[in-house]
Structure formats: C-alpha cells, structure tokens
Amino acid sequence: MTVPRGVPLDTGRVPPDLVAVLVAVGSKDPKAFQLLYEQCARRVYGVVRKTLQNPESCAEVTQEVFLMVWEQGDRYRPELGHPVS
C-alpha cells in the first residue's frame, strides 16, 4: 500500500485513551485533533483503500473523514461504543 504525502505513518497503535481524545476533539481541541490524525490517519486510509482503487481518491476520502470528525465530533457518545469497534 502506498500512503500519499500528507498521511503520516503511525506506530500501529491506537492512542491509549481514544475516547478521551475524541471527546476533546468534540470540544474543538486542535491538539487532540492532531493526535487523532497522527495516530489514526493511516488506519483510516487503509480501510478506504480496501474499497477504492485510486490512491488520490483514497487520500481525499480520508481527508473528508477527518473533516467530518472535526465538524461533528461533539456528536460522539462514548456510552454507545468504543471508537474502534
């Protein structure tokens, strides 16, 4: 898999408290969003890549996913399930 420029490599780990990170993103915390992106962008890109064949389209969809997380992060409800599930 080729990861396009702008999608950083992660360490293969989910942030230790992804729930807390997402709650902070919902409060428009830019540092939390940066952490979320750095730790999860490659994983999101990989999921998108399984569906789409064009790497440019995959990068664009990945960007859209994170934009939606930023814009609608306040709708996240931890009691409804873990973010990775």
N, C-alpha and C. Protein backbone atom coordinates (compact mmCIF):
# COMPACT_ATOMS: atom_id res chain seq x y z
N MET A 1 0.85 -1.18 0.00
CA MET A 1 0.00 0.00 0.00
C MET A 1 0.89 1.23 0.00
N THR A 2 0.58 2.17 -0.84
CA THR A 2 1.31 3.43 -0.87
C THR A 2 0.49 4.47 -0.15
N VAL A 3 1.10 5.10 0.85
CA VAL A 3 0.42 6.15 1.59
C VAL A 3 0.82 7.48 0.98
N PRO A 4 -0.13 8.29 0.54
CA PRO A 4 0.21 9.56 -0.11
C PRO A 4 0.83 10.55 0.86
N ARG A 5 1.52 11.50 0.28
CA ARG A 5 2.11 12.57 1.08
C ARG A 5 1.01 13.26 1.89
N GLY A 6 1.32 13.59 3.13
CA GLY A 6 0.33 14.24 3.99
C GLY A 6 -0.38 13.26 4.91
N VAL A 7 -0.26 11.95 4.65
CA VAL A 7 -0.83 10.95 5.55
C VAL A 7 0.34 10.33 6.29
N PRO A 8 0.56 10.73 7.55
CA PRO A 8 1.75 10.27 8.26
C PRO A 8 1.68 8.81 8.63
N LEU A 9 2.84 8.22 8.75
CA LEU A 9 2.90 6.85 9.24
C LEU A 9 2.65 6.88 10.73
N ASP A 10 1.93 5.91 11.22
CA ASP A 10 1.71 5.83 12.65
C ASP A 10 2.53 4.68 13.22
N THR A 11 2.46 4.50 14.47
CA THR A 11 3.22 3.44 15.12
C THR A 11 2.43 2.15 15.18
N GLY A 12 1.25 2.13 14.59
CA GLY A 12 0.42 0.94 14.62
C GLY A 12 -0.40 0.83 15.89
N ARG A 13 -0.34 1.85 16.73
CA ARG A 13 -1.08 1.81 17.99
C ARG A 13 -2.21 2.83 17.96
N VAL A 14 -3.27 2.47 18.62
CA VAL A 14 -4.37 3.41 18.83
C VAL A 14 -3.99 4.23 20.05
N PRO A 15 -4.27 5.55 20.07
CA PRO A 15 -3.97 6.32 21.26
C PRO A 15 -4.51 5.64 22.51
N PRO A 16 -3.77 5.68 23.61
CA PRO A 16 -4.17 4.93 24.80
C PRO A 16 -5.57 5.23 25.28
N ASP A 17 -6.00 6.45 25.16
CA ASP A 17 -7.36 6.78 25.57
C ASP A 17 -8.06 7.50 24.43
N LEU A 18 -8.38 6.73 23.41
CA LEU A 18 -9.01 7.29 22.22
C LEU A 18 -10.34 7.95 22.54
N VAL A 19 -11.05 7.42 23.51
CA VAL A 19 -12.31 8.02 23.92
C VAL A 19 -12.08 9.45 24.40
N ALA A 20 -11.10 9.65 25.26
CA ALA A 20 -10.80 11.00 25.77
C ALA A 20 -10.36 11.92 24.64
N VAL A 21 -9.59 11.38 23.71
CA VAL A 21 -9.15 12.19 22.56
C VAL A 21 -10.36 12.64 21.74
N LEU A 22 -11.27 11.73 21.47
CA LEU A 22 -12.45 12.09 20.68
C LEU A 22 -13.36 13.08 21.41
N VAL A 23 -13.49 12.92 22.70
CA VAL A 23 -14.28 13.89 23.47
C VAL A 23 -13.64 15.27 23.36
N ALA A 24 -12.31 15.32 23.45
CA ALA A 24 -11.59 16.60 23.32
C ALA A 24 -11.75 17.18 21.91
N VAL A 25 -11.71 16.33 20.90
CA VAL A 25 -11.94 16.79 19.53
C VAL A 25 -13.35 17.39 19.42
N GLY A 26 -14.31 16.77 20.08
CA GLY A 26 -15.68 17.28 20.08
C GLY A 26 -15.77 18.66 20.71
N SER A 27 -14.80 18.99 21.56
CA SER A 27 -14.73 20.32 22.17
C SER A 27 -13.85 21.26 21.35
N LYS A 28 -13.48 20.83 20.15
CA LYS A 28 -12.67 21.62 19.20
C LYS A 28 -11.26 21.87 19.72
N ASP A 29 -10.67 20.86 20.35
CA ASP A 29 -9.29 20.94 20.82
C ASP A 29 -8.36 20.57 19.66
N PRO A 30 -7.61 21.55 19.11
CA PRO A 30 -6.78 21.26 17.94
C PRO A 30 -5.65 20.28 18.24
N LYS A 31 -5.12 20.28 19.44
CA LYS A 31 -4.05 19.32 19.77
C LYS A 31 -4.59 17.89 19.81
N ALA A 32 -5.81 17.73 20.31
CA ALA A 32 -6.43 16.41 20.32
C ALA A 32 -6.70 15.94 18.88
N PHE A 33 -7.12 16.86 18.03
CA PHE A 33 -7.36 16.51 16.64
C PHE A 33 -6.07 16.10 15.96
N GLN A 34 -5.01 16.82 16.24
CA GLN A 34 -3.71 16.48 15.66
C GLN A 34 -3.28 15.08 16.11
N LEU A 35 -3.44 14.78 17.39
CA LEU A 35 -3.10 13.46 17.91
C LEU A 35 -3.95 12.39 17.23
N LEU A 36 -5.23 12.64 17.12
CA LEU A 36 -6.13 11.69 16.47
C LEU A 36 -5.67 11.43 15.03
N TYR A 37 -5.38 12.49 14.31
CA TYR A 37 -4.94 12.35 12.92
C TYR A 37 -3.63 11.58 12.83
N GLU A 38 -2.67 11.97 13.65
CA GLU A 38 -1.36 11.31 13.59
C GLU A 38 -1.45 9.83 13.91
N GLN A 39 -2.33 9.45 14.81
CA GLN A 39 -2.43 8.06 15.22
C GLN A 39 -3.38 7.23 14.38
N CYS A 40 -4.31 7.86 13.69
CA CYS A 40 -5.36 7.08 13.02
C CYS A 40 -5.46 7.28 11.51
N ALA A 41 -4.78 8.26 10.95
CA ALA A 41 -4.94 8.55 9.52
C ALA A 41 -4.54 7.37 8.65
N ARG A 42 -3.45 6.73 8.97
CA ARG A 42 -3.01 5.59 8.16
C ARG A 42 -4.03 4.45 8.22
N ARG A 43 -4.57 4.23 9.39
CA ARG A 43 -5.57 3.17 9.56
C ARG A 43 -6.84 3.50 8.74
N VAL A 44 -7.30 4.74 8.81
CA VAL A 44 -8.48 5.16 8.05
C VAL A 44 -8.20 5.03 6.55
N TYR A 45 -7.02 5.48 6.14
CA TYR A 45 -6.63 5.38 4.72
C TYR A 45 -6.67 3.91 4.27
N GLY A 46 -6.18 3.01 5.10
CA GLY A 46 -6.17 1.59 4.76
C GLY A 46 -7.57 1.02 4.56
N VAL A 47 -8.49 1.44 5.41
CA VAL A 47 -9.88 0.98 5.27
C VAL A 47 -10.47 1.51 3.96
N VAL A 48 -10.22 2.78 3.68
CA VAL A 48 -10.73 3.39 2.44
C VAL A 48 -10.10 2.70 1.23
N ARG A 49 -8.83 2.38 1.32
CA ARG A 49 -8.09 1.77 0.21
C ARG A 49 -8.66 0.40 -0.16
N LYS A 50 -9.25 -0.28 0.81
CA LYS A 50 -9.87 -1.58 0.51
C LYS A 50 -11.09 -1.44 -0.39
N THR A 51 -11.68 -0.25 -0.40
CA THR A 51 -12.89 -0.01 -1.19
C THR A 51 -12.58 0.69 -2.52
N LEU A 52 -11.72 1.68 -2.46
CA LEU A 52 -11.40 2.48 -3.64
C LEU A 52 -10.05 2.06 -4.22
N GLN A 53 -9.90 2.14 -5.51
CA GLN A 53 -8.65 1.73 -6.15
C GLN A 53 -7.69 2.90 -6.39
N ASN A 54 -8.22 4.08 -6.54
CA ASN A 54 -7.41 5.25 -6.87
C ASN A 54 -6.81 5.86 -5.60
N PRO A 55 -5.48 5.87 -5.46
CA PRO A 55 -4.85 6.42 -4.26
C PRO A 55 -5.22 7.89 -3.99
N GLU A 56 -5.37 8.68 -5.06
CA GLU A 56 -5.77 10.08 -4.87
C GLU A 56 -7.16 10.18 -4.27
N SER A 57 -8.07 9.33 -4.73
CA SER A 57 -9.42 9.32 -4.18
C SER A 57 -9.39 8.87 -2.72
N CYS A 58 -8.53 7.91 -2.41
CA CYS A 58 -8.40 7.43 -1.03
C CYS A 58 -7.93 8.54 -0.11
N ALA A 59 -6.96 9.31 -0.56
CA ALA A 59 -6.46 10.42 0.25
C ALA A 59 -7.54 11.47 0.45
N GLU A 60 -8.31 11.73 -0.59
CA GLU A 60 -9.38 12.73 -0.50
C GLU A 60 -10.48 12.26 0.47
N VAL A 61 -10.86 11.00 0.38
CA VAL A 61 -11.89 10.47 1.28
C VAL A 61 -11.38 10.46 2.72
N THR A 62 -10.12 10.09 2.92
CA THR A 62 -9.54 10.12 4.26
C THR A 62 -9.61 11.53 4.83
N GLN A 63 -9.28 12.51 4.03
CA GLN A 63 -9.36 13.91 4.47
C GLN A 63 -10.80 14.27 4.83
N GLU A 64 -11.74 13.84 4.02
CA GLU A 64 -13.15 14.13 4.29
C GLU A 64 -13.62 13.48 5.60
N VAL A 65 -13.14 12.27 5.86
CA VAL A 65 -13.50 11.59 7.11
C VAL A 65 -13.05 12.42 8.30
N PHE A 66 -11.81 12.89 8.27
CA PHE A 66 -11.31 13.68 9.40
C PHE A 66 -11.99 15.04 9.49
N LEU A 67 -12.35 15.61 8.37
CA LEU A 67 -13.11 16.86 8.39
C LEU A 67 -14.46 16.64 9.07
N MET A 68 -15.12 15.53 8.75
CA MET A 68 -16.40 15.22 9.39
C MET A 68 -16.24 14.99 10.89
N VAL A 69 -15.15 14.32 11.28
CA VAL A 69 -14.90 14.11 12.70
C VAL A 69 -14.74 15.45 13.40
N TRP A 70 -14.01 16.38 12.78
CA TRP A 70 -13.81 17.70 13.38
C TRP A 70 -15.14 18.45 13.49
N GLU A 71 -15.90 18.44 12.40
CA GLU A 71 -17.15 19.20 12.37
C GLU A 71 -18.25 18.59 13.23
N GLN A 72 -18.27 17.26 13.36
CA GLN A 72 -19.36 16.60 14.07
C GLN A 72 -18.90 15.86 15.32
N GLY A 73 -17.68 16.16 15.76
CA GLY A 73 -17.12 15.46 16.91
C GLY A 73 -17.92 15.60 18.18
N ASP A 74 -18.67 16.67 18.30
CA ASP A 74 -19.48 16.87 19.50
C ASP A 74 -20.65 15.89 19.57
N ARG A 75 -20.89 15.16 18.50
CA ARG A 75 -21.97 14.18 18.49
C ARG A 75 -21.53 12.81 19.00
N TYR A 76 -20.22 12.65 19.20
CA TYR A 76 -19.70 11.36 19.67
C TYR A 76 -20.20 11.07 21.08
N ARG A 77 -20.71 9.87 21.29
CA ARG A 77 -21.22 9.43 22.60
C ARG A 77 -20.49 8.17 23.02
N PRO A 78 -19.53 8.29 23.96
CA PRO A 78 -18.74 7.13 24.38
C PRO A 78 -19.58 5.97 24.90
N GLU A 79 -20.71 6.27 25.49
CA GLU A 79 -21.54 5.20 26.06
C GLU A 79 -22.17 4.30 24.98
N LEU A 80 -22.09 4.72 23.74
CA LEU A 80 -22.67 3.92 22.67
C LEU A 80 -21.68 2.94 22.04
N GLY A 81 -20.43 2.98 22.48
CA GLY A 81 -19.44 2.03 21.98
C GLY A 81 -18.07 2.64 21.82
N HIS A 82 -17.08 1.77 21.77
CA HIS A 82 -15.69 2.20 21.61
C HIS A 82 -15.48 2.69 20.18
N PRO A 83 -14.67 3.71 19.97
CA PRO A 83 -14.48 4.29 18.64
C PRO A 83 -13.91 3.31 17.62
N VAL A 84 -13.17 2.32 18.05
CA VAL A 84 -12.55 1.39 17.10
C VAL A 84 -13.51 0.28 16.68
N SER A 85 -14.56 0.08 17.43
CA SER A 85 -15.47 -1.02 17.11
C SER A 85 -16.40 -0.70 15.96
